[in-house]
Amino acid sequence: ASVVGFAIFMHTLYDKRQQNAPSIPFFCVFISIWTTLFLEFWKRKQARYAMLWGMVGFEEEENDRPEFADNDATVKINSPVDGEDF
């Protein structure tokens, strides 16, 4: 995508006919499609690694650590906006 973006940038610099080159709308469509495909393939890769590393459903199985339980040593902080506890 960066190569295409650089090519469009160079085209807009050397196109003296108008301020906006006619290739910019095509670049916008290209970036929209590229972004969608990138995110969808990223989700697939993330799911593949989650399965491979055994991390599917980890959030449901995760227990709270007893070291972080509410005790006397825990400091309570109030919100600077409305004064309520966090």
N, C-alpha and C. Protein backbone atom coordinates (compact mmCIF):
# COMPACT_ATOMS: atom_id res chain seq x y z
N ALA A 1 0.83 -1.19 0.00
CA ALA A 1 0.00 0.00 0.00
C ALA A 1 0.87 1.25 0.00
N SER A 2 2.02 1.19 0.65
CA SER A 2 2.87 2.38 0.69
C SER A 2 3.46 2.70 -0.68
N VAL A 3 3.74 1.67 -1.47
CA VAL A 3 4.28 1.90 -2.81
C VAL A 3 3.24 2.58 -3.67
N VAL A 4 2.00 2.12 -3.58
CA VAL A 4 0.91 2.72 -4.35
C VAL A 4 0.68 4.15 -3.87
N GLY A 5 0.71 4.37 -2.56
CA GLY A 5 0.53 5.71 -2.02
C GLY A 5 1.63 6.66 -2.46
N PHE A 6 2.86 6.19 -2.50
CA PHE A 6 3.96 7.03 -2.96
C PHE A 6 3.80 7.35 -4.45
N ALA A 7 3.35 6.39 -5.22
CA ALA A 7 3.14 6.65 -6.66
C ALA A 7 2.04 7.70 -6.85
N ILE A 8 0.98 7.62 -6.09
CA ILE A 8 -0.10 8.62 -6.19
C ILE A 8 0.42 9.99 -5.75
N PHE A 9 1.23 10.02 -4.69
CA PHE A 9 1.81 11.28 -4.22
C PHE A 9 2.67 11.93 -5.31
N MET A 10 3.51 11.13 -5.94
CA MET A 10 4.34 11.65 -7.02
C MET A 10 3.49 12.14 -8.18
N HIS A 11 2.41 11.43 -8.47
CA HIS A 11 1.52 11.85 -9.55
C HIS A 11 0.87 13.19 -9.23
N THR A 12 0.48 13.41 -7.97
CA THR A 12 -0.13 14.69 -7.61
C THR A 12 0.89 15.83 -7.63
N LEU A 13 2.16 15.53 -7.35
CA LEU A 13 3.18 16.58 -7.42
C LEU A 13 3.43 17.05 -8.85
N TYR A 14 3.44 16.11 -9.78
CA TYR A 14 3.78 16.44 -11.16
C TYR A 14 2.58 16.76 -12.03
N ASP A 15 1.37 16.63 -11.51
CA ASP A 15 0.18 16.96 -12.29
C ASP A 15 -0.16 18.42 -12.04
N LYS A 16 0.22 19.29 -12.95
CA LYS A 16 0.05 20.74 -12.78
C LYS A 16 -1.32 21.23 -13.25
N ARG A 17 -2.13 20.35 -13.81
CA ARG A 17 -3.42 20.78 -14.34
C ARG A 17 -4.39 21.20 -13.25
N GLN A 18 -4.36 20.51 -12.14
CA GLN A 18 -5.31 20.80 -11.07
C GLN A 18 -4.69 20.43 -9.73
N GLN A 19 -5.33 20.91 -8.67
CA GLN A 19 -4.77 20.67 -7.35
C GLN A 19 -4.90 19.20 -6.95
N ASN A 20 -6.02 18.59 -7.22
CA ASN A 20 -6.25 17.18 -6.90
C ASN A 20 -6.16 16.35 -8.17
N ALA A 21 -5.29 15.39 -8.15
CA ALA A 21 -5.12 14.53 -9.32
C ALA A 21 -6.31 13.59 -9.44
N PRO A 22 -6.66 13.18 -10.65
CA PRO A 22 -7.79 12.26 -10.83
C PRO A 22 -7.53 10.86 -10.28
N SER A 23 -6.30 10.56 -9.91
CA SER A 23 -6.00 9.22 -9.38
C SER A 23 -6.32 9.08 -7.90
N ILE A 24 -6.62 10.17 -7.19
CA ILE A 24 -6.86 10.10 -5.75
C ILE A 24 -8.10 9.27 -5.40
N PRO A 25 -9.23 9.40 -6.11
CA PRO A 25 -10.37 8.53 -5.77
C PRO A 25 -10.06 7.04 -5.92
N PHE A 26 -9.26 6.69 -6.91
CA PHE A 26 -8.88 5.29 -7.07
C PHE A 26 -8.00 4.82 -5.92
N PHE A 27 -7.14 5.72 -5.43
CA PHE A 27 -6.31 5.39 -4.28
C PHE A 27 -7.17 5.19 -3.04
N CYS A 28 -8.20 6.00 -2.88
CA CYS A 28 -9.10 5.85 -1.73
C CYS A 28 -9.81 4.50 -1.76
N VAL A 29 -10.26 4.10 -2.92
CA VAL A 29 -10.90 2.79 -3.05
C VAL A 29 -9.89 1.68 -2.78
N PHE A 30 -8.69 1.81 -3.30
CA PHE A 30 -7.64 0.82 -3.07
C PHE A 30 -7.33 0.67 -1.59
N ILE A 31 -7.18 1.79 -0.88
CA ILE A 31 -6.87 1.74 0.55
C ILE A 31 -8.02 1.13 1.33
N SER A 32 -9.26 1.44 0.95
CA SER A 32 -10.42 0.85 1.64
C SER A 32 -10.44 -0.66 1.50
N ILE A 33 -10.21 -1.14 0.29
CA ILE A 33 -10.20 -2.59 0.06
C ILE A 33 -9.00 -3.23 0.76
N TRP A 34 -7.82 -2.61 0.67
CA TRP A 34 -6.63 -3.15 1.31
C TRP A 34 -6.80 -3.23 2.82
N THR A 35 -7.38 -2.19 3.43
CA THR A 35 -7.59 -2.19 4.88
C THR A 35 -8.53 -3.29 5.30
N THR A 36 -9.61 -3.46 4.57
CA THR A 36 -10.58 -4.52 4.90
C THR A 36 -9.93 -5.89 4.80
N LEU A 37 -9.21 -6.13 3.73
CA LEU A 37 -8.54 -7.43 3.58
C LEU A 37 -7.47 -7.65 4.64
N PHE A 38 -6.71 -6.61 4.96
CA PHE A 38 -5.68 -6.73 5.98
C PHE A 38 -6.28 -7.12 7.32
N LEU A 39 -7.36 -6.45 7.71
CA LEU A 39 -7.98 -6.75 9.00
C LEU A 39 -8.59 -8.14 9.04
N GLU A 40 -9.22 -8.56 7.96
CA GLU A 40 -9.82 -9.90 7.93
C GLU A 40 -8.74 -10.99 7.97
N PHE A 41 -7.66 -10.80 7.24
CA PHE A 41 -6.58 -11.80 7.30
C PHE A 41 -5.88 -11.77 8.64
N TRP A 42 -5.82 -10.60 9.28
CA TRP A 42 -5.23 -10.51 10.62
C TRP A 42 -6.07 -11.30 11.62
N LYS A 43 -7.39 -11.20 11.52
CA LYS A 43 -8.28 -11.97 12.41
C LYS A 43 -8.07 -13.47 12.22
N ARG A 44 -7.92 -13.89 10.97
CA ARG A 44 -7.69 -15.31 10.70
C ARG A 44 -6.36 -15.77 11.29
N LYS A 45 -5.33 -14.95 11.14
CA LYS A 45 -4.02 -15.30 11.68
C LYS A 45 -4.06 -15.34 13.20
N GLN A 46 -4.76 -14.40 13.81
CA GLN A 46 -4.88 -14.37 15.27
C GLN A 46 -5.62 -15.61 15.77
N ALA A 47 -6.68 -16.00 15.09
CA ALA A 47 -7.42 -17.20 15.50
C ALA A 47 -6.57 -18.46 15.32
N ARG A 48 -5.79 -18.50 14.25
CA ARG A 48 -4.93 -19.65 14.00
C ARG A 48 -3.89 -19.80 15.12
N TYR A 49 -3.26 -18.69 15.50
CA TYR A 49 -2.28 -18.75 16.59
C TYR A 49 -2.93 -19.05 17.93
N ALA A 50 -4.14 -18.55 18.16
CA ALA A 50 -4.84 -18.85 19.41
C ALA A 50 -5.11 -20.35 19.51
N MET A 51 -5.50 -20.97 18.41
CA MET A 51 -5.71 -22.42 18.40
C MET A 51 -4.39 -23.17 18.59
N LEU A 52 -3.36 -22.72 17.89
CA LEU A 52 -2.06 -23.38 17.95
C LEU A 52 -1.46 -23.31 19.35
N TRP A 53 -1.63 -22.19 20.03
CA TRP A 53 -1.03 -21.99 21.35
C TRP A 53 -1.97 -22.36 22.49
N GLY A 54 -3.17 -22.85 22.17
CA GLY A 54 -4.11 -23.27 23.19
C GLY A 54 -4.69 -22.13 24.01
N MET A 55 -4.93 -20.99 23.38
CA MET A 55 -5.42 -19.82 24.09
C MET A 55 -6.89 -19.52 23.80
N VAL A 56 -7.58 -20.40 23.11
CA VAL A 56 -9.00 -20.18 22.82
C VAL A 56 -9.79 -20.35 24.10
N GLY A 57 -10.60 -19.35 24.44
CA GLY A 57 -11.41 -19.41 25.65
C GLY A 57 -10.62 -19.15 26.92
N PHE A 58 -9.42 -18.58 26.80
CA PHE A 58 -8.58 -18.36 27.96
C PHE A 58 -9.21 -17.37 28.94
N GLU A 59 -9.92 -16.37 28.42
CA GLU A 59 -10.51 -15.36 29.29
C GLU A 59 -11.56 -15.96 30.21
N GLU A 60 -12.28 -16.96 29.73
CA GLU A 60 -13.31 -17.59 30.55
C GLU A 60 -12.69 -18.47 31.65
N GLU A 61 -11.53 -19.05 31.37
CA GLU A 61 -10.88 -19.95 32.33
C GLU A 61 -9.99 -19.21 33.32
N GLU A 62 -9.62 -17.99 33.02
CA GLU A 62 -8.66 -17.27 33.84
C GLU A 62 -9.25 -16.92 35.20
N ASN A 63 -8.50 -17.21 36.26
CA ASN A 63 -8.93 -16.90 37.62
C ASN A 63 -8.24 -15.63 38.10
N ASP A 64 -8.88 -14.94 39.06
CA ASP A 64 -8.25 -13.79 39.66
C ASP A 64 -7.08 -14.24 40.53
N ARG A 65 -6.02 -13.48 40.50
CA ARG A 65 -4.85 -13.83 41.30
C ARG A 65 -5.07 -13.39 42.75
N PRO A 66 -4.78 -14.25 43.70
CA PRO A 66 -5.01 -13.89 45.11
C PRO A 66 -4.11 -12.75 45.59
N GLU A 67 -2.98 -12.53 44.91
CA GLU A 67 -2.09 -11.44 45.32
C GLU A 67 -2.74 -10.07 45.14
N PHE A 68 -3.74 -10.00 44.27
CA PHE A 68 -4.38 -8.73 43.97
C PHE A 68 -5.77 -8.64 44.59
N ALA A 69 -6.03 -9.44 45.58
CA ALA A 69 -7.33 -9.41 46.25
C ALA A 69 -7.45 -8.12 47.06
N ASP A 70 -8.67 -7.75 47.33
CA ASP A 70 -8.94 -6.55 48.11
C ASP A 70 -8.56 -6.81 49.57
N ASN A 71 -7.55 -6.10 50.08
CA ASN A 71 -7.15 -6.25 51.48
C ASN A 71 -6.81 -4.89 52.06
N ASP A 72 -6.29 -4.86 53.27
CA ASP A 72 -6.00 -3.60 53.95
C ASP A 72 -4.87 -2.82 53.29
N ALA A 73 -3.98 -3.51 52.60
CA ALA A 73 -2.85 -2.83 51.96
C ALA A 73 -3.25 -2.17 50.64
N THR A 74 -4.43 -2.45 50.13
CA THR A 74 -4.88 -1.88 48.88
C THR A 74 -5.24 -0.41 49.08
N VAL A 75 -4.73 0.43 48.22
CA VAL A 75 -4.99 1.87 48.30
C VAL A 75 -6.17 2.20 47.40
N LYS A 76 -7.15 2.86 47.96
CA LYS A 76 -8.32 3.29 47.18
C LYS A 76 -8.03 4.67 46.59
N ILE A 77 -8.34 4.83 45.32
CA ILE A 77 -8.12 6.09 44.63
C ILE A 77 -9.47 6.63 44.17
N ASN A 78 -9.70 7.88 44.41
CA ASN A 78 -10.93 8.53 43.97
C ASN A 78 -10.71 9.21 42.62
N SER A 79 -11.78 9.28 41.86
CA SER A 79 -11.73 9.92 40.56
C SER A 79 -11.55 11.42 40.73
N PRO A 80 -10.63 12.02 39.97
CA PRO A 80 -10.47 13.47 40.07
C PRO A 80 -11.63 14.24 39.46
N VAL A 81 -12.47 13.56 38.67
CA VAL A 81 -13.58 14.24 38.01
C VAL A 81 -14.78 14.35 38.93
N ASP A 82 -15.24 13.22 39.48
CA ASP A 82 -16.46 13.25 40.28
C ASP A 82 -16.26 12.77 41.71
N GLY A 83 -15.05 12.36 42.08
CA GLY A 83 -14.76 11.95 43.45
C GLY A 83 -15.18 10.56 43.83
N GLU A 84 -15.74 9.79 42.88
CA GLU A 84 -16.17 8.43 43.17
C GLU A 84 -14.98 7.47 43.13
N ASP A 85 -15.13 6.32 43.82
CA ASP A 85 -14.08 5.30 43.80
C ASP A 85 -13.97 4.68 42.40
N PHE A 86 -12.74 4.32 42.04
CA PHE A 86 -12.53 3.59 40.78
C PHE A 86 -12.95 2.18 40.95
